[in-house]
Amino acid sequence: MDPQMRPATPDVDPMVTAAVKNVRDRFGSEGLRDLMALAQMELRNAEQAERRLAYDESANTSSGSLDAADTQAWLAFTEAEPDR
């Protein structure tokens, strides 16, 4: 197996495994390719949001205050439509 195609953790959540198998069983290889493409987009969005939040947190921590709306900011950022 290609090292880049291995799960990030050895214990994949059963819900993730079930989701992939459900897509495979219902939509075949084309559905799996679509799932992978969408997952890659979501991965980029989530990683970008994490970097942004980490940067914001480090900036807020240095000033001694933390924003109580971090969860709402995370949700708003990750649910926003990506620029196309």
N, C-alpha and C. Protein backbone atom coordinates (compact mmCIF):
# COMPACT_ATOMS: atom_id res chain seq x y z
N MET A 1 0.84 -1.18 0.00
CA MET A 1 0.00 0.00 0.00
C MET A 1 0.89 1.24 0.00
N ASP A 2 0.53 2.22 -0.77
CA ASP A 2 1.23 3.49 -0.83
C ASP A 2 1.24 4.13 0.56
N PRO A 3 2.42 4.53 1.08
CA PRO A 3 2.48 5.11 2.42
C PRO A 3 1.57 6.33 2.60
N GLN A 4 1.34 7.09 1.54
CA GLN A 4 0.48 8.26 1.64
C GLN A 4 -0.99 7.87 1.76
N MET A 5 -1.32 6.63 1.43
CA MET A 5 -2.70 6.19 1.44
C MET A 5 -3.07 5.46 2.73
N ARG A 6 -2.14 5.38 3.68
CA ARG A 6 -2.42 4.71 4.95
C ARG A 6 -3.14 5.67 5.88
N PRO A 7 -4.01 5.15 6.74
CA PRO A 7 -4.67 6.00 7.72
C PRO A 7 -3.65 6.69 8.63
N ALA A 8 -3.98 7.87 9.12
CA ALA A 8 -3.09 8.64 9.98
C ALA A 8 -2.89 7.95 11.33
N THR A 9 -3.88 7.20 11.76
CA THR A 9 -3.79 6.48 13.03
C THR A 9 -4.07 5.00 12.77
N PRO A 10 -3.49 4.12 13.60
CA PRO A 10 -3.72 2.70 13.38
C PRO A 10 -5.16 2.28 13.69
N ASP A 11 -5.82 2.99 14.58
CA ASP A 11 -7.19 2.64 14.97
C ASP A 11 -8.18 3.60 14.32
N VAL A 12 -8.65 3.22 13.14
CA VAL A 12 -9.63 4.05 12.44
C VAL A 12 -10.98 3.86 13.11
N ASP A 13 -11.67 4.96 13.35
CA ASP A 13 -12.99 4.90 13.98
C ASP A 13 -13.91 4.03 13.12
N PRO A 14 -14.68 3.14 13.74
CA PRO A 14 -15.59 2.28 12.97
C PRO A 14 -16.59 3.06 12.13
N MET A 15 -16.96 4.24 12.56
CA MET A 15 -17.89 5.05 11.78
C MET A 15 -17.26 5.47 10.45
N VAL A 16 -15.98 5.79 10.47
CA VAL A 16 -15.27 6.15 9.24
C VAL A 16 -15.20 4.95 8.31
N THR A 17 -14.84 3.80 8.86
CA THR A 17 -14.77 2.58 8.06
C THR A 17 -16.12 2.25 7.44
N ALA A 18 -17.17 2.36 8.23
CA ALA A 18 -18.52 2.06 7.73
C ALA A 18 -18.92 3.03 6.63
N ALA A 19 -18.59 4.31 6.79
CA ALA A 19 -18.94 5.31 5.77
C ALA A 19 -18.27 4.98 4.44
N VAL A 20 -16.99 4.64 4.49
CA VAL A 20 -16.26 4.31 3.26
C VAL A 20 -16.85 3.06 2.61
N LYS A 21 -17.12 2.04 3.41
CA LYS A 21 -17.69 0.80 2.86
C LYS A 21 -19.08 1.04 2.29
N ASN A 22 -19.87 1.89 2.93
CA ASN A 22 -21.21 2.19 2.41
C ASN A 22 -21.12 2.88 1.05
N VAL A 23 -20.20 3.83 0.92
CA VAL A 23 -20.02 4.50 -0.38
C VAL A 23 -19.54 3.50 -1.41
N ARG A 24 -18.59 2.67 -1.05
CA ARG A 24 -18.07 1.65 -1.97
C ARG A 24 -19.19 0.73 -2.44
N ASP A 25 -19.99 0.24 -1.49
CA ASP A 25 -21.03 -0.72 -1.83
C ASP A 25 -22.15 -0.09 -2.65
N ARG A 26 -22.43 1.16 -2.42
CA ARG A 26 -23.54 1.80 -3.13
C ARG A 26 -23.12 2.41 -4.46
N PHE A 27 -21.92 3.04 -4.50
CA PHE A 27 -21.53 3.81 -5.68
C PHE A 27 -20.30 3.27 -6.41
N GLY A 28 -19.64 2.26 -5.85
CA GLY A 28 -18.49 1.67 -6.51
C GLY A 28 -17.28 2.57 -6.53
N SER A 29 -16.39 2.29 -7.47
CA SER A 29 -15.12 3.02 -7.53
C SER A 29 -15.32 4.51 -7.84
N GLU A 30 -16.31 4.83 -8.65
CA GLU A 30 -16.57 6.25 -8.96
C GLU A 30 -16.98 7.00 -7.70
N GLY A 31 -17.82 6.39 -6.89
CA GLY A 31 -18.22 7.02 -5.63
C GLY A 31 -17.06 7.19 -4.68
N LEU A 32 -16.18 6.19 -4.64
CA LEU A 32 -14.99 6.31 -3.79
C LEU A 32 -14.08 7.43 -4.25
N ARG A 33 -13.93 7.59 -5.57
CA ARG A 33 -13.12 8.71 -6.08
C ARG A 33 -13.74 10.04 -5.69
N ASP A 34 -15.07 10.15 -5.80
CA ASP A 34 -15.75 11.37 -5.39
C ASP A 34 -15.57 11.62 -3.89
N LEU A 35 -15.70 10.57 -3.10
CA LEU A 35 -15.51 10.68 -1.66
C LEU A 35 -14.11 11.17 -1.32
N MET A 36 -13.12 10.61 -2.01
CA MET A 36 -11.74 11.02 -1.76
C MET A 36 -11.51 12.48 -2.15
N ALA A 37 -12.07 12.91 -3.26
CA ALA A 37 -11.91 14.30 -3.69
C ALA A 37 -12.55 15.24 -2.69
N LEU A 38 -13.76 14.91 -2.25
CA LEU A 38 -14.44 15.76 -1.27
C LEU A 38 -13.70 15.74 0.07
N ALA A 39 -13.19 14.58 0.46
CA ALA A 39 -12.44 14.48 1.71
C ALA A 39 -11.17 15.32 1.65
N GLN A 40 -10.51 15.34 0.51
CA GLN A 40 -9.30 16.17 0.36
C GLN A 40 -9.63 17.65 0.50
N MET A 41 -10.75 18.08 -0.08
CA MET A 41 -11.17 19.48 0.07
C MET A 41 -11.45 19.79 1.53
N GLU A 42 -12.17 18.91 2.21
CA GLU A 42 -12.49 19.13 3.62
C GLU A 42 -11.24 19.11 4.48
N LEU A 43 -10.28 18.25 4.14
CA LEU A 43 -9.02 18.19 4.87
C LEU A 43 -8.27 19.51 4.75
N ARG A 44 -8.21 20.06 3.55
CA ARG A 44 -7.54 21.36 3.38
C ARG A 44 -8.25 22.44 4.19
N ASN A 45 -9.59 22.45 4.15
CA ASN A 45 -10.35 23.45 4.91
C ASN A 45 -10.10 23.31 6.40
N ALA A 46 -10.13 22.08 6.90
CA ALA A 46 -9.94 21.84 8.34
C ALA A 46 -8.53 22.22 8.77
N GLU A 47 -7.53 21.84 7.97
CA GLU A 47 -6.15 22.18 8.33
C GLU A 47 -5.93 23.68 8.30
N GLN A 48 -6.52 24.36 7.31
CA GLN A 48 -6.40 25.81 7.24
C GLN A 48 -7.06 26.46 8.47
N ALA A 49 -8.22 25.95 8.85
CA ALA A 49 -8.92 26.48 10.03
C ALA A 49 -8.11 26.24 11.29
N GLU A 50 -7.51 25.06 11.41
CA GLU A 50 -6.69 24.76 12.58
C GLU A 50 -5.49 25.69 12.67
N ARG A 51 -4.83 25.93 11.52
CA ARG A 51 -3.69 26.85 11.52
C ARG A 51 -4.12 28.25 11.91
N ARG A 52 -5.26 28.67 11.36
CA ARG A 52 -5.77 30.01 11.66
C ARG A 52 -6.11 30.14 13.15
N LEU A 53 -6.77 29.12 13.69
CA LEU A 53 -7.12 29.16 15.11
C LEU A 53 -5.88 29.11 15.99
N ALA A 54 -4.89 28.32 15.61
CA ALA A 54 -3.65 28.25 16.38
C ALA A 54 -2.95 29.61 16.36
N TYR A 55 -2.94 30.26 15.20
CA TYR A 55 -2.34 31.59 15.10
C TYR A 55 -3.11 32.59 15.95
N ASP A 56 -4.45 32.57 15.85
CA ASP A 56 -5.28 33.48 16.65
C ASP A 56 -5.10 33.22 18.13
N GLU A 57 -5.00 31.95 18.52
CA GLU A 57 -4.84 31.62 19.93
C GLU A 57 -3.50 32.11 20.45
N SER A 58 -2.44 31.95 19.65
CA SER A 58 -1.13 32.42 20.09
C SER A 58 -1.12 33.94 20.20
N ALA A 59 -1.82 34.62 19.31
CA ALA A 59 -1.90 36.08 19.38
C ALA A 59 -2.71 36.51 20.60
N ASN A 60 -3.81 35.81 20.87
CA ASN A 60 -4.65 36.14 22.02
C ASN A 60 -3.97 35.79 23.33
N THR A 61 -3.23 34.69 23.36
CA THR A 61 -2.57 34.26 24.59
C THR A 61 -1.48 35.25 24.97
N SER A 62 -0.79 35.78 23.98
CA SER A 62 0.27 36.74 24.30
C SER A 62 -0.29 38.02 24.89
N SER A 63 -1.54 38.35 24.55
CA SER A 63 -2.15 39.55 25.12
C SER A 63 -2.87 39.24 26.42
N GLY A 64 -2.95 37.92 26.77
CA GLY A 64 -3.55 37.55 28.03
C GLY A 64 -5.05 37.33 27.98
N SER A 65 -5.68 37.47 26.81
CA SER A 65 -7.12 37.25 26.73
C SER A 65 -7.44 36.17 25.70
N LEU A 66 -8.47 35.39 25.99
CA LEU A 66 -8.92 34.37 25.07
C LEU A 66 -10.33 34.71 24.61
N ASP A 67 -10.59 34.49 23.34
CA ASP A 67 -11.91 34.77 22.77
C ASP A 67 -12.86 33.62 23.06
N ALA A 68 -13.99 33.90 23.70
CA ALA A 68 -14.95 32.86 24.03
C ALA A 68 -15.69 32.35 22.80
N ALA A 69 -15.56 33.01 21.68
CA ALA A 69 -16.30 32.63 20.47
C ALA A 69 -15.47 31.74 19.54
N ASP A 70 -14.41 31.11 20.05
CA ASP A 70 -13.57 30.27 19.20
C ASP A 70 -14.36 29.14 18.54
N THR A 71 -15.25 28.50 19.28
CA THR A 71 -16.03 27.41 18.70
C THR A 71 -16.90 27.91 17.56
N GLN A 72 -17.55 29.05 17.75
CA GLN A 72 -18.39 29.61 16.70
C GLN A 72 -17.54 30.01 15.50
N ALA A 73 -16.35 30.53 15.74
CA ALA A 73 -15.47 30.90 14.64
C ALA A 73 -15.05 29.66 13.86
N TRP A 74 -14.73 28.58 14.57
CA TRP A 74 -14.35 27.32 13.92
C TRP A 74 -15.48 26.81 13.04
N LEU A 75 -16.69 26.78 13.60
CA LEU A 75 -17.84 26.29 12.84
C LEU A 75 -18.12 27.16 11.62
N ALA A 76 -18.07 28.46 11.80
CA ALA A 76 -18.33 29.36 10.68
C ALA A 76 -17.27 29.18 9.59
N PHE A 77 -16.02 29.01 9.99
CA PHE A 77 -14.94 28.87 9.01
C PHE A 77 -15.04 27.56 8.26
N THR A 78 -15.29 26.46 8.98
CA THR A 78 -15.29 25.16 8.32
C THR A 78 -16.57 24.90 7.54
N GLU A 79 -17.67 25.61 7.88
CA GLU A 79 -18.92 25.42 7.15
C GLU A 79 -19.06 26.37 5.97
N ALA A 80 -18.16 27.33 5.86
CA ALA A 80 -18.22 28.28 4.75
C ALA A 80 -17.87 27.57 3.44
N GLU A 81 -18.51 28.00 2.38
CA GLU A 81 -18.21 27.44 1.07
C GLU A 81 -16.80 27.83 0.65
N PRO A 82 -16.00 26.87 0.16
CA PRO A 82 -14.66 27.22 -0.30
C PRO A 82 -14.74 28.11 -1.53
N ASP A 83 -13.74 28.98 -1.66
CA ASP A 83 -13.67 29.83 -2.86
C ASP A 83 -13.48 28.94 -4.08
N ARG A 84 -14.24 29.19 -5.07
CA ARG A 84 -14.15 28.36 -6.28
C ARG A 84 -13.57 29.17 -7.41
